Amino acid sequence: MIFLLQHFVINLTSVFSADTFNEISHFMGTFWLIQYVIQPILIFGVLFHFIMGFVLEIKNRKARNISYAKNNGAANSTWMSRNMIYSGMFILIFLIIHFIDFWIPEINTKYIVGDMSGMHDGEFRYFHELQEKFVPIWRVALYCVGFVFLALHLMHGFNSAFQSVGANNKYTKGLKGFGMAYAIILPLGFIVIALFHHFNH
């Protein structure tokens, strides 16, 4: 959740100032604590989240060998909670494409080519590379759909995380409101950023 917020704030700077975005991106891409401590932990956390999501889905399906004669899932659960596996699968596909677009080329440039400068033709390359990715309309559309699925995933995931650890108390209603706002505003913001760079290239 913190990573998404931080990622959004950094990307949002690209809408207002290419220089600020370049400077922050270079810092995030070269600071040892982020690269060698936080990033591996984050990648492990994301992989663990996906693996456990699929494991739990398989266990849930195996838990009842005989299906209900009549099952009205909407009676006691939301569409998001019943379809977390599908929104999660699309987000996984989206993440793989995002890694191919940005993370793998970045790792290749820094650790295979050996260029840690972040420069290209005398200028930082980050803003230019970001804009180039959002030129094709198919990629922009894919990203927008991906963020819609992210919103659906977060709408249930944020609140269920607190429920899972037994944090149902007087703050539950406020947390649900905050979770809903978070799940809508952040993905919508990412969509705005993608559209901005597509139409302002």
N, C-alpha and C. Protein backbone atom coordinates (compact mmCIF):
# COMPACT_ATOMS: atom_id res chain seq x y z
N MET A 1 0.83 -1.20 0.00
CA MET A 1 0.00 0.00 0.00
C MET A 1 0.88 1.26 0.00
N ILE A 2 1.93 1.22 0.80
CA ILE A 2 2.84 2.37 0.87
C ILE A 2 3.59 2.52 -0.44
N PHE A 3 3.99 1.38 -1.03
CA PHE A 3 4.70 1.42 -2.31
C PHE A 3 3.83 2.05 -3.39
N LEU A 4 2.56 1.67 -3.46
CA LEU A 4 1.65 2.24 -4.45
C LEU A 4 1.54 3.74 -4.30
N LEU A 5 1.41 4.20 -3.05
CA LEU A 5 1.30 5.63 -2.80
C LEU A 5 2.57 6.36 -3.20
N GLN A 6 3.71 5.79 -2.82
CA GLN A 6 5.00 6.40 -3.17
C GLN A 6 5.20 6.42 -4.69
N HIS A 7 4.83 5.32 -5.34
CA HIS A 7 4.95 5.21 -6.80
C HIS A 7 4.07 6.26 -7.48
N PHE A 8 2.88 6.43 -6.95
CA PHE A 8 1.95 7.41 -7.52
C PHE A 8 2.49 8.83 -7.38
N VAL A 9 2.97 9.17 -6.19
CA VAL A 9 3.48 10.53 -5.93
C VAL A 9 4.65 10.84 -6.86
N ILE A 10 5.56 9.89 -7.03
CA ILE A 10 6.71 10.11 -7.91
C ILE A 10 6.25 10.28 -9.36
N ASN A 11 5.35 9.40 -9.81
CA ASN A 11 4.86 9.51 -11.18
C ASN A 11 4.08 10.79 -11.40
N LEU A 12 3.39 11.26 -10.37
CA LEU A 12 2.61 12.49 -10.48
C LEU A 12 3.51 13.69 -10.76
N THR A 13 4.74 13.67 -10.25
CA THR A 13 5.65 14.79 -10.50
C THR A 13 5.97 14.92 -11.98
N SER A 14 5.84 13.81 -12.73
CA SER A 14 6.13 13.86 -14.17
C SER A 14 5.13 14.71 -14.93
N VAL A 15 3.95 14.92 -14.33
CA VAL A 15 2.92 15.75 -14.96
C VAL A 15 3.28 17.23 -14.82
N PHE A 16 3.97 17.58 -13.75
CA PHE A 16 4.25 18.98 -13.45
C PHE A 16 5.68 19.41 -13.78
N SER A 17 6.64 18.49 -13.61
CA SER A 17 8.03 18.89 -13.81
C SER A 17 8.89 17.70 -14.24
N ALA A 18 9.39 17.74 -15.46
CA ALA A 18 10.25 16.67 -15.96
C ALA A 18 11.54 16.60 -15.15
N ASP A 19 12.08 17.75 -14.76
CA ASP A 19 13.33 17.78 -13.99
C ASP A 19 13.16 17.12 -12.63
N THR A 20 12.06 17.44 -11.94
CA THR A 20 11.81 16.86 -10.62
C THR A 20 11.64 15.35 -10.73
N PHE A 21 10.88 14.91 -11.74
CA PHE A 21 10.68 13.48 -11.96
C PHE A 21 12.01 12.78 -12.23
N ASN A 22 12.85 13.39 -13.06
CA ASN A 22 14.16 12.81 -13.37
C ASN A 22 15.03 12.68 -12.13
N GLU A 23 15.05 13.73 -11.32
CA GLU A 23 15.90 13.73 -10.12
C GLU A 23 15.45 12.68 -9.12
N ILE A 24 14.13 12.60 -8.88
CA ILE A 24 13.61 11.61 -7.93
C ILE A 24 13.84 10.20 -8.46
N SER A 25 13.59 10.00 -9.75
CA SER A 25 13.76 8.68 -10.36
C SER A 25 15.22 8.22 -10.25
N HIS A 26 16.14 9.15 -10.48
CA HIS A 26 17.56 8.79 -10.40
C HIS A 26 17.94 8.43 -8.96
N PHE A 27 17.41 9.18 -8.01
CA PHE A 27 17.69 8.87 -6.59
C PHE A 27 17.14 7.49 -6.23
N MET A 28 15.88 7.23 -6.61
CA MET A 28 15.25 5.95 -6.28
C MET A 28 15.97 4.78 -6.97
N GLY A 29 16.53 5.06 -8.15
CA GLY A 29 17.18 4.00 -8.91
C GLY A 29 18.63 3.75 -8.55
N THR A 30 19.21 4.60 -7.71
CA THR A 30 20.63 4.45 -7.39
C THR A 30 20.93 4.38 -5.88
N PHE A 31 20.00 4.79 -5.04
CA PHE A 31 20.24 4.78 -3.60
C PHE A 31 20.30 3.33 -3.11
N TRP A 32 21.38 2.97 -2.46
CA TRP A 32 21.65 1.57 -2.11
C TRP A 32 20.56 0.94 -1.25
N LEU A 33 20.01 1.70 -0.29
CA LEU A 33 19.01 1.15 0.62
C LEU A 33 17.75 0.72 -0.14
N ILE A 34 17.36 1.54 -1.11
CA ILE A 34 16.18 1.23 -1.92
C ILE A 34 16.46 0.05 -2.85
N GLN A 35 17.61 0.09 -3.51
CA GLN A 35 17.93 -0.92 -4.52
C GLN A 35 18.23 -2.30 -3.94
N TYR A 36 18.97 -2.36 -2.82
CA TYR A 36 19.48 -3.64 -2.34
C TYR A 36 18.78 -4.15 -1.08
N VAL A 37 17.92 -3.34 -0.48
CA VAL A 37 17.20 -3.78 0.72
C VAL A 37 15.69 -3.73 0.49
N ILE A 38 15.17 -2.54 0.22
CA ILE A 38 13.72 -2.38 0.09
C ILE A 38 13.17 -3.07 -1.15
N GLN A 39 13.85 -2.92 -2.29
CA GLN A 39 13.35 -3.51 -3.53
C GLN A 39 13.26 -5.04 -3.47
N PRO A 40 14.29 -5.75 -2.99
CA PRO A 40 14.16 -7.21 -2.87
C PRO A 40 13.03 -7.63 -1.93
N ILE A 41 12.87 -6.91 -0.81
CA ILE A 41 11.78 -7.22 0.13
C ILE A 41 10.43 -7.02 -0.55
N LEU A 42 10.31 -5.94 -1.31
CA LEU A 42 9.06 -5.64 -2.01
C LEU A 42 8.74 -6.73 -3.04
N ILE A 43 9.74 -7.12 -3.83
CA ILE A 43 9.53 -8.15 -4.85
C ILE A 43 9.12 -9.47 -4.19
N PHE A 44 9.80 -9.82 -3.09
CA PHE A 44 9.43 -11.04 -2.37
C PHE A 44 7.99 -10.94 -1.85
N GLY A 45 7.63 -9.79 -1.31
CA GLY A 45 6.28 -9.60 -0.78
C GLY A 45 5.21 -9.74 -1.85
N VAL A 46 5.48 -9.17 -3.03
CA VAL A 46 4.52 -9.26 -4.13
C VAL A 46 4.37 -10.70 -4.60
N LEU A 47 5.50 -11.41 -4.76
CA LEU A 47 5.45 -12.82 -5.18
C LEU A 47 4.72 -13.67 -4.15
N PHE A 48 5.03 -13.44 -2.88
CA PHE A 48 4.39 -14.19 -1.80
C PHE A 48 2.88 -13.95 -1.80
N HIS A 49 2.49 -12.70 -2.02
CA HIS A 49 1.08 -12.33 -2.05
C HIS A 49 0.34 -13.08 -3.17
N PHE A 50 0.93 -13.10 -4.35
CA PHE A 50 0.31 -13.79 -5.48
C PHE A 50 0.23 -15.30 -5.24
N ILE A 51 1.33 -15.88 -4.78
CA ILE A 51 1.37 -17.33 -4.55
C ILE A 51 0.33 -17.73 -3.51
N MET A 52 0.28 -17.01 -2.39
CA MET A 52 -0.68 -17.33 -1.34
C MET A 52 -2.11 -17.09 -1.80
N GLY A 53 -2.31 -16.10 -2.66
CA GLY A 53 -3.65 -15.85 -3.22
C GLY A 53 -4.14 -17.04 -4.02
N PHE A 54 -3.26 -17.60 -4.86
CA PHE A 54 -3.64 -18.77 -5.66
C PHE A 54 -3.81 -20.00 -4.77
N VAL A 55 -2.94 -20.16 -3.76
CA VAL A 55 -3.04 -21.30 -2.85
C VAL A 55 -4.37 -21.28 -2.11
N LEU A 56 -4.75 -20.11 -1.59
CA LEU A 56 -6.01 -19.98 -0.86
C LEU A 56 -7.21 -20.21 -1.77
N GLU A 57 -7.12 -19.75 -3.00
CA GLU A 57 -8.21 -19.96 -3.96
C GLU A 57 -8.40 -21.46 -4.23
N ILE A 58 -7.30 -22.18 -4.41
CA ILE A 58 -7.37 -23.62 -4.66
C ILE A 58 -7.96 -24.34 -3.44
N LYS A 59 -7.51 -23.95 -2.24
CA LYS A 59 -8.03 -24.57 -1.01
C LYS A 59 -9.52 -24.30 -0.85
N ASN A 60 -9.94 -23.07 -1.16
CA ASN A 60 -11.36 -22.74 -1.05
C ASN A 60 -12.20 -23.57 -2.01
N ARG A 61 -11.70 -23.77 -3.21
CA ARG A 61 -12.45 -24.55 -4.21
C ARG A 61 -12.53 -26.03 -3.81
N LYS A 62 -11.46 -26.54 -3.17
CA LYS A 62 -11.44 -27.94 -2.76
C LYS A 62 -12.23 -28.19 -1.48
N ALA A 63 -12.50 -27.12 -0.73
CA ALA A 63 -13.16 -27.27 0.57
C ALA A 63 -14.59 -27.80 0.45
N ARG A 64 -15.26 -27.53 -0.68
CA ARG A 64 -16.62 -28.02 -0.90
C ARG A 64 -16.65 -28.82 -2.19
N ASN A 65 -16.71 -30.14 -2.03
CA ASN A 65 -16.72 -31.02 -3.19
C ASN A 65 -18.03 -30.97 -3.96
N ILE A 66 -19.12 -30.73 -3.22
CA ILE A 66 -20.44 -30.66 -3.83
C ILE A 66 -20.91 -29.21 -3.82
N SER A 67 -21.23 -28.69 -4.97
CA SER A 67 -21.65 -27.30 -5.07
C SER A 67 -23.04 -27.11 -4.48
N TYR A 68 -23.32 -25.87 -4.06
CA TYR A 68 -24.65 -25.54 -3.57
C TYR A 68 -25.67 -25.73 -4.69
N ALA A 69 -26.87 -26.19 -4.32
CA ALA A 69 -27.94 -26.31 -5.31
C ALA A 69 -28.30 -24.93 -5.83
N LYS A 70 -28.27 -23.96 -4.93
CA LYS A 70 -28.53 -22.58 -5.31
C LYS A 70 -27.60 -21.69 -4.50
N ASN A 71 -26.85 -20.91 -5.20
CA ASN A 71 -25.87 -20.08 -4.51
C ASN A 71 -26.02 -18.63 -4.93
N ASN A 72 -26.44 -17.80 -3.99
CA ASN A 72 -26.54 -16.36 -4.24
C ASN A 72 -25.40 -15.68 -3.51
N GLY A 73 -24.25 -15.62 -4.19
CA GLY A 73 -23.06 -15.06 -3.55
C GLY A 73 -23.22 -13.61 -3.14
N ALA A 74 -24.03 -12.88 -3.89
CA ALA A 74 -24.21 -11.46 -3.61
C ALA A 74 -24.94 -11.21 -2.30
N ALA A 75 -25.54 -12.26 -1.73
CA ALA A 75 -26.31 -12.08 -0.50
C ALA A 75 -25.43 -11.74 0.69
N ASN A 76 -24.19 -12.24 0.70
CA ASN A 76 -23.33 -11.99 1.86
C ASN A 76 -21.89 -11.62 1.50
N SER A 77 -21.65 -11.29 0.23
CA SER A 77 -20.30 -10.87 -0.16
C SER A 77 -20.38 -9.97 -1.39
N THR A 78 -19.34 -9.17 -1.56
CA THR A 78 -19.31 -8.26 -2.71
C THR A 78 -18.74 -8.96 -3.93
N TRP A 79 -18.99 -8.38 -5.09
CA TRP A 79 -18.44 -8.93 -6.33
C TRP A 79 -16.92 -8.96 -6.25
N MET A 80 -16.32 -7.90 -5.65
CA MET A 80 -14.87 -7.84 -5.56
C MET A 80 -14.30 -8.99 -4.74
N SER A 81 -14.95 -9.30 -3.61
CA SER A 81 -14.43 -10.36 -2.75
C SER A 81 -14.55 -11.73 -3.41
N ARG A 82 -15.61 -11.93 -4.22
CA ARG A 82 -15.82 -13.22 -4.88
C ARG A 82 -14.91 -13.40 -6.09
N ASN A 83 -14.33 -12.32 -6.58
CA ASN A 83 -13.54 -12.39 -7.81
C ASN A 83 -12.12 -11.86 -7.64
N MET A 84 -11.60 -11.93 -6.42
CA MET A 84 -10.23 -11.45 -6.17
C MET A 84 -9.21 -12.21 -7.01
N ILE A 85 -9.46 -13.50 -7.25
CA ILE A 85 -8.51 -14.30 -8.02
C ILE A 85 -8.40 -13.79 -9.45
N TYR A 86 -9.52 -13.33 -10.01
CA TYR A 86 -9.51 -12.87 -11.40
C TYR A 86 -8.89 -11.48 -11.52
N SER A 87 -9.24 -10.59 -10.60
CA SER A 87 -8.60 -9.27 -10.63
C SER A 87 -7.11 -9.41 -10.34
N GLY A 88 -6.76 -10.36 -9.44
CA GLY A 88 -5.36 -10.61 -9.13
C GLY A 88 -4.59 -11.15 -10.32
N MET A 89 -5.23 -12.04 -11.09
CA MET A 89 -4.58 -12.60 -12.27
C MET A 89 -4.31 -11.53 -13.32
N PHE A 90 -5.28 -10.63 -13.51
CA PHE A 90 -5.06 -9.57 -14.49
C PHE A 90 -3.97 -8.62 -14.02
N ILE A 91 -3.95 -8.33 -12.72
CA ILE A 91 -2.90 -7.46 -12.17
C ILE A 91 -1.53 -8.12 -12.34
N LEU A 92 -1.47 -9.44 -12.18
CA LEU A 92 -0.21 -10.16 -12.38
C LEU A 92 0.27 -10.01 -13.82
N ILE A 93 -0.64 -10.17 -14.78
CA ILE A 93 -0.30 -9.98 -16.19
C ILE A 93 0.16 -8.54 -16.44
N PHE A 94 -0.56 -7.60 -15.84
CA PHE A 94 -0.23 -6.19 -15.96
C PHE A 94 1.16 -5.91 -15.39
N LEU A 95 1.48 -6.51 -14.23
CA LEU A 95 2.79 -6.30 -13.60
C LEU A 95 3.91 -6.85 -14.47
N ILE A 96 3.68 -8.01 -15.09
CA ILE A 96 4.70 -8.59 -15.97
C ILE A 96 4.99 -7.65 -17.13
N ILE A 97 3.93 -7.08 -17.73
CA ILE A 97 4.10 -6.12 -18.84
C ILE A 97 4.82 -4.87 -18.33
N HIS A 98 4.45 -4.41 -17.14
CA HIS A 98 5.08 -3.23 -16.55
C HIS A 98 6.57 -3.48 -16.29
N PHE A 99 6.91 -4.67 -15.83
CA PHE A 99 8.31 -5.03 -15.62
C PHE A 99 9.06 -5.04 -16.95
N ILE A 100 8.43 -5.60 -17.99
CA ILE A 100 9.06 -5.64 -19.31
C ILE A 100 9.27 -4.22 -19.85
N ASP A 101 8.30 -3.34 -19.58
CA ASP A 101 8.37 -1.96 -20.07
C ASP A 101 9.43 -1.13 -19.35
N PHE A 102 9.52 -1.28 -18.02
CA PHE A 102 10.35 -0.35 -17.25
C PHE A 102 11.45 -1.02 -16.43
N TRP A 103 11.10 -2.02 -15.63
CA TRP A 103 12.04 -2.55 -14.65
C TRP A 103 13.18 -3.33 -15.29
N ILE A 104 12.86 -4.24 -16.20
CA ILE A 104 13.90 -5.05 -16.84
C ILE A 104 14.88 -4.19 -17.66
N PRO A 105 14.38 -3.22 -18.50
CA PRO A 105 15.33 -2.34 -19.19
C PRO A 105 16.21 -1.54 -18.23
N GLU A 106 15.63 -1.14 -17.09
CA GLU A 106 16.39 -0.38 -16.10
C GLU A 106 17.49 -1.25 -15.49
N ILE A 107 17.15 -2.48 -15.13
CA ILE A 107 18.13 -3.40 -14.56
C ILE A 107 19.22 -3.70 -15.59
N ASN A 108 18.82 -3.89 -16.84
CA ASN A 108 19.78 -4.15 -17.92
C ASN A 108 20.75 -2.98 -18.08
N THR A 109 20.21 -1.77 -18.10
CA THR A 109 21.05 -0.57 -18.28
C THR A 109 22.05 -0.41 -17.14
N LYS A 110 21.58 -0.64 -15.91
CA LYS A 110 22.43 -0.38 -14.75
C LYS A 110 23.43 -1.50 -14.47
N TYR A 111 22.97 -2.74 -14.56
CA TYR A 111 23.80 -3.85 -14.07
C TYR A 111 24.40 -4.74 -15.17
N ILE A 112 23.82 -4.72 -16.37
CA ILE A 112 24.39 -5.49 -17.48
C ILE A 112 25.29 -4.57 -18.32
N VAL A 113 24.71 -3.45 -18.76
CA VAL A 113 25.49 -2.46 -19.52
C VAL A 113 26.50 -1.77 -18.61
N GLY A 114 26.08 -1.57 -17.35
CA GLY A 114 26.97 -0.93 -16.37
C GLY A 114 26.88 0.57 -16.35
N ASP A 115 25.75 1.12 -16.82
CA ASP A 115 25.58 2.58 -16.86
C ASP A 115 24.67 3.01 -15.72
N MET A 116 25.26 3.54 -14.67
CA MET A 116 24.49 4.00 -13.50
C MET A 116 24.22 5.50 -13.55
N SER A 117 24.61 6.16 -14.64
CA SER A 117 24.51 7.62 -14.71
C SER A 117 23.08 8.10 -14.88
N GLY A 118 22.24 7.29 -15.50
CA GLY A 118 20.86 7.72 -15.77
C GLY A 118 20.78 8.75 -16.89
N MET A 119 21.87 8.91 -17.62
CA MET A 119 21.93 9.96 -18.64
C MET A 119 21.82 9.37 -20.04
N HIS A 120 21.32 10.20 -20.96
CA HIS A 120 21.29 9.86 -22.38
C HIS A 120 21.40 11.17 -23.16
N ASP A 121 22.42 11.28 -23.99
CA ASP A 121 22.68 12.51 -24.76
C ASP A 121 22.77 13.73 -23.84
N GLY A 122 23.41 13.53 -22.70
CA GLY A 122 23.65 14.66 -21.79
C GLY A 122 22.48 15.03 -20.89
N GLU A 123 21.38 14.29 -20.95
CA GLU A 123 20.22 14.58 -20.10
C GLU A 123 19.73 13.29 -19.44
N PHE A 124 19.05 13.45 -18.30
CA PHE A 124 18.45 12.28 -17.66
C PHE A 124 17.43 11.66 -18.62
N ARG A 125 17.40 10.34 -18.67
CA ARG A 125 16.58 9.62 -19.65
C ARG A 125 15.20 9.23 -19.14
N TYR A 126 14.94 9.35 -17.82
CA TYR A 126 13.74 8.77 -17.23
C TYR A 126 12.44 9.35 -17.79
N PHE A 127 12.35 10.68 -17.85
CA PHE A 127 11.12 11.32 -18.32
C PHE A 127 10.86 10.97 -19.79
N HIS A 128 11.91 11.00 -20.59
CA HIS A 128 11.77 10.69 -22.01
C HIS A 128 11.29 9.24 -22.21
N GLU A 129 11.87 8.32 -21.44
CA GLU A 129 11.49 6.92 -21.55
C GLU A 129 10.03 6.72 -21.11
N LEU A 130 9.62 7.43 -20.07
CA LEU A 130 8.24 7.34 -19.61
C LEU A 130 7.27 7.79 -20.70
N GLN A 131 7.55 8.92 -21.30
CA GLN A 131 6.67 9.44 -22.35
C GLN A 131 6.61 8.50 -23.55
N GLU A 132 7.76 7.94 -23.93
CA GLU A 132 7.81 7.04 -25.08
C GLU A 132 6.91 5.82 -24.89
N LYS A 133 6.83 5.31 -23.66
CA LYS A 133 6.03 4.12 -23.39
C LYS A 133 4.54 4.38 -23.59
N PHE A 134 4.12 5.62 -23.39
CA PHE A 134 2.69 5.92 -23.47
C PHE A 134 2.27 6.53 -24.80
N VAL A 135 3.09 6.35 -25.83
CA VAL A 135 2.70 6.79 -27.17
C VAL A 135 1.69 5.82 -27.80
N PRO A 136 1.94 4.50 -27.79
CA PRO A 136 0.98 3.57 -28.41
C PRO A 136 -0.33 3.53 -27.63
N ILE A 137 -1.44 3.69 -28.32
CA ILE A 137 -2.75 3.74 -27.65
C ILE A 137 -3.09 2.40 -27.02
N TRP A 138 -2.61 1.29 -27.61
CA TRP A 138 -2.92 -0.03 -27.05
C TRP A 138 -2.30 -0.20 -25.66
N ARG A 139 -1.08 0.37 -25.48
CA ARG A 139 -0.44 0.25 -24.18
C ARG A 139 -1.15 1.12 -23.15
N VAL A 140 -1.56 2.32 -23.57
CA VAL A 140 -2.30 3.21 -22.66
C VAL A 140 -3.61 2.54 -22.23
N ALA A 141 -4.31 1.93 -23.20
CA ALA A 141 -5.57 1.23 -22.90
C ALA A 141 -5.33 0.08 -21.92
N LEU A 142 -4.26 -0.68 -22.15
CA LEU A 142 -3.92 -1.80 -21.29
C LEU A 142 -3.65 -1.33 -19.86
N TYR A 143 -2.89 -0.25 -19.75
CA TYR A 143 -2.58 0.30 -18.43
C TYR A 143 -3.85 0.78 -17.73
N CYS A 144 -4.73 1.43 -18.47
CA CYS A 144 -5.98 1.95 -17.87
C CYS A 144 -6.85 0.80 -17.36
N VAL A 145 -6.97 -0.25 -18.16
CA VAL A 145 -7.74 -1.43 -17.72
C VAL A 145 -7.08 -2.06 -16.51
N GLY A 146 -5.75 -2.12 -16.52
CA GLY A 146 -5.01 -2.67 -15.39
C GLY A 146 -5.28 -1.90 -14.11
N PHE A 147 -5.36 -0.59 -14.21
CA PHE A 147 -5.61 0.23 -13.03
C PHE A 147 -7.05 0.08 -12.54
N VAL A 148 -7.99 -0.18 -13.45
CA VAL A 148 -9.38 -0.45 -13.05
C VAL A 148 -9.42 -1.73 -12.22
N PHE A 149 -8.72 -2.77 -12.68
CA PHE A 149 -8.67 -4.02 -11.92
C PHE A 149 -7.95 -3.83 -10.59
N LEU A 150 -6.93 -2.97 -10.58
CA LEU A 150 -6.25 -2.66 -9.33
C LEU A 150 -7.22 -2.02 -8.34
N ALA A 151 -8.06 -1.11 -8.83
CA ALA A 151 -9.05 -0.45 -7.97
C ALA A 151 -10.01 -1.49 -7.38
N LEU A 152 -10.50 -2.40 -8.22
CA LEU A 152 -11.42 -3.44 -7.75
C LEU A 152 -10.74 -4.34 -6.72
N HIS A 153 -9.49 -4.66 -6.95
CA HIS A 153 -8.73 -5.52 -6.04
C HIS A 153 -8.53 -4.82 -4.69
N LEU A 154 -8.21 -3.53 -4.74
CA LEU A 154 -7.96 -2.77 -3.51
C LEU A 154 -9.24 -2.53 -2.71
N MET A 155 -10.36 -2.39 -3.40
CA MET A 155 -11.63 -2.12 -2.71
C MET A 155 -11.94 -3.20 -1.68
N HIS A 156 -11.62 -4.43 -2.03
CA HIS A 156 -11.83 -5.52 -1.06
C HIS A 156 -10.58 -5.76 -0.23
N GLY A 157 -9.42 -5.75 -0.89
CA GLY A 157 -8.18 -6.12 -0.22
C GLY A 157 -7.79 -5.25 0.95
N PHE A 158 -7.98 -3.93 0.82
CA PHE A 158 -7.59 -3.01 1.89
C PHE A 158 -8.34 -3.33 3.17
N ASN A 159 -9.66 -3.43 3.07
CA ASN A 159 -10.48 -3.65 4.27
C ASN A 159 -10.34 -5.06 4.82
N SER A 160 -10.23 -6.04 3.92
CA SER A 160 -10.12 -7.42 4.39
C SER A 160 -8.80 -7.66 5.12
N ALA A 161 -7.76 -6.88 4.78
CA ALA A 161 -6.47 -7.02 5.47
C ALA A 161 -6.63 -6.70 6.96
N PHE A 162 -7.38 -5.64 7.28
CA PHE A 162 -7.60 -5.28 8.68
C PHE A 162 -8.49 -6.31 9.37
N GLN A 163 -9.48 -6.83 8.64
CA GLN A 163 -10.37 -7.85 9.20
C GLN A 163 -9.61 -9.14 9.50
N SER A 164 -8.66 -9.46 8.62
CA SER A 164 -7.89 -10.70 8.79
C SER A 164 -7.08 -10.71 10.08
N VAL A 165 -6.62 -9.53 10.51
CA VAL A 165 -5.81 -9.46 11.74
C VAL A 165 -6.67 -9.09 12.94
N GLY A 166 -8.00 -9.13 12.75
CA GLY A 166 -8.92 -8.90 13.86
C GLY A 166 -9.08 -7.45 14.27
N ALA A 167 -8.77 -6.54 13.34
CA ALA A 167 -8.85 -5.10 13.68
C ALA A 167 -10.25 -4.55 13.39
N ASN A 168 -11.27 -5.21 13.93
CA ASN A 168 -12.63 -4.69 13.83
C ASN A 168 -12.97 -3.96 15.13
N ASN A 169 -13.02 -2.66 15.06
CA ASN A 169 -13.27 -1.86 16.26
C ASN A 169 -14.01 -0.58 15.88
N LYS A 170 -13.95 0.40 16.73
CA LYS A 170 -14.67 1.65 16.49
C LYS A 170 -14.16 2.42 15.28
N TYR A 171 -12.96 2.05 14.83
CA TYR A 171 -12.38 2.73 13.67
C TYR A 171 -12.70 2.03 12.35
N THR A 172 -13.41 0.91 12.41
CA THR A 172 -13.66 0.11 11.21
C THR A 172 -14.36 0.90 10.12
N LYS A 173 -15.38 1.65 10.51
CA LYS A 173 -16.13 2.42 9.52
C LYS A 173 -15.23 3.45 8.83
N GLY A 174 -14.40 4.12 9.62
CA GLY A 174 -13.48 5.10 9.06
C GLY A 174 -12.45 4.45 8.15
N LEU A 175 -11.96 3.28 8.55
CA LEU A 175 -10.99 2.56 7.73
C LEU A 175 -11.61 2.14 6.41
N LYS A 176 -12.88 1.72 6.44
CA LYS A 176 -13.55 1.33 5.20
C LYS A 176 -13.70 2.51 4.26
N GLY A 177 -14.03 3.66 4.82
CA GLY A 177 -14.13 4.87 4.01
C GLY A 177 -12.81 5.26 3.41
N PHE A 178 -11.75 5.20 4.24
CA PHE A 178 -10.41 5.53 3.76
C PHE A 178 -9.97 4.54 2.69
N GLY A 179 -10.25 3.24 2.93
CA GLY A 179 -9.88 2.20 1.98
C GLY A 179 -10.56 2.39 0.64
N MET A 180 -11.85 2.76 0.68
CA MET A 180 -12.59 2.98 -0.57
C MET A 180 -12.01 4.17 -1.33
N ALA A 181 -11.72 5.25 -0.60
CA ALA A 181 -11.14 6.44 -1.23
C ALA A 181 -9.78 6.12 -1.84
N TYR A 182 -8.95 5.38 -1.09
CA TYR A 182 -7.63 4.98 -1.56
C TYR A 182 -7.74 4.14 -2.83
N ALA A 183 -8.68 3.19 -2.82
CA ALA A 183 -8.85 2.25 -3.93
C ALA A 183 -9.35 2.94 -5.19
N ILE A 184 -9.99 4.07 -5.05
CA ILE A 184 -10.51 4.80 -6.22
C ILE A 184 -9.54 5.88 -6.68
N ILE A 185 -9.04 6.68 -5.74
CA ILE A 185 -8.23 7.86 -6.09
C ILE A 185 -6.88 7.47 -6.71
N LEU A 186 -6.18 6.49 -6.10
CA LEU A 186 -4.85 6.14 -6.62
C LEU A 186 -4.89 5.56 -8.03
N PRO A 187 -5.71 4.53 -8.29
CA PRO A 187 -5.77 4.02 -9.66
C PRO A 187 -6.25 5.06 -10.66
N LEU A 188 -7.21 5.90 -10.24
CA LEU A 188 -7.69 6.96 -11.12
C LEU A 188 -6.56 7.94 -11.43
N GLY A 189 -5.74 8.23 -10.42
CA GLY A 189 -4.60 9.11 -10.63
C GLY A 189 -3.60 8.52 -11.61
N PHE A 190 -3.34 7.22 -11.50
CA PHE A 190 -2.44 6.56 -12.45
C PHE A 190 -2.98 6.63 -13.87
N ILE A 191 -4.30 6.48 -14.01
CA ILE A 191 -4.92 6.57 -15.33
C ILE A 191 -4.74 7.97 -15.91
N VAL A 192 -4.94 8.99 -15.09
CA VAL A 192 -4.78 10.38 -15.53
C VAL A 192 -3.35 10.62 -16.00
N ILE A 193 -2.37 10.08 -15.27
CA ILE A 193 -0.96 10.25 -15.64
C ILE A 193 -0.68 9.59 -17.00
N ALA A 194 -1.18 8.37 -17.19
CA ALA A 194 -0.98 7.67 -18.46
C ALA A 194 -1.60 8.44 -19.62
N LEU A 195 -2.82 8.93 -19.43
CA LEU A 195 -3.51 9.69 -20.48
C LEU A 195 -2.80 11.01 -20.75
N PHE A 196 -2.31 11.64 -19.69
CA PHE A 196 -1.60 12.92 -19.83
C PHE A 196 -0.39 12.77 -20.74
N HIS A 197 0.40 11.73 -20.51
CA HIS A 197 1.61 11.55 -21.32
C HIS A 197 1.29 11.08 -22.73
N HIS A 198 0.18 10.39 -22.90
CA HIS A 198 -0.22 9.99 -24.25
C HIS A 198 -0.60 11.20 -25.09
N PHE A 199 -1.36 12.12 -24.49
CA PHE A 199 -1.86 13.27 -25.25
C PHE A 199 -0.92 14.48 -25.24
N ASN A 200 0.17 14.39 -24.45
CA ASN A 200 1.10 15.53 -24.38
C ASN A 200 2.51 15.12 -24.76
N HIS A 201 2.61 14.14 -25.60
CA HIS A 201 3.96 13.68 -26.00
C HIS A 201 4.58 14.69 -27.00
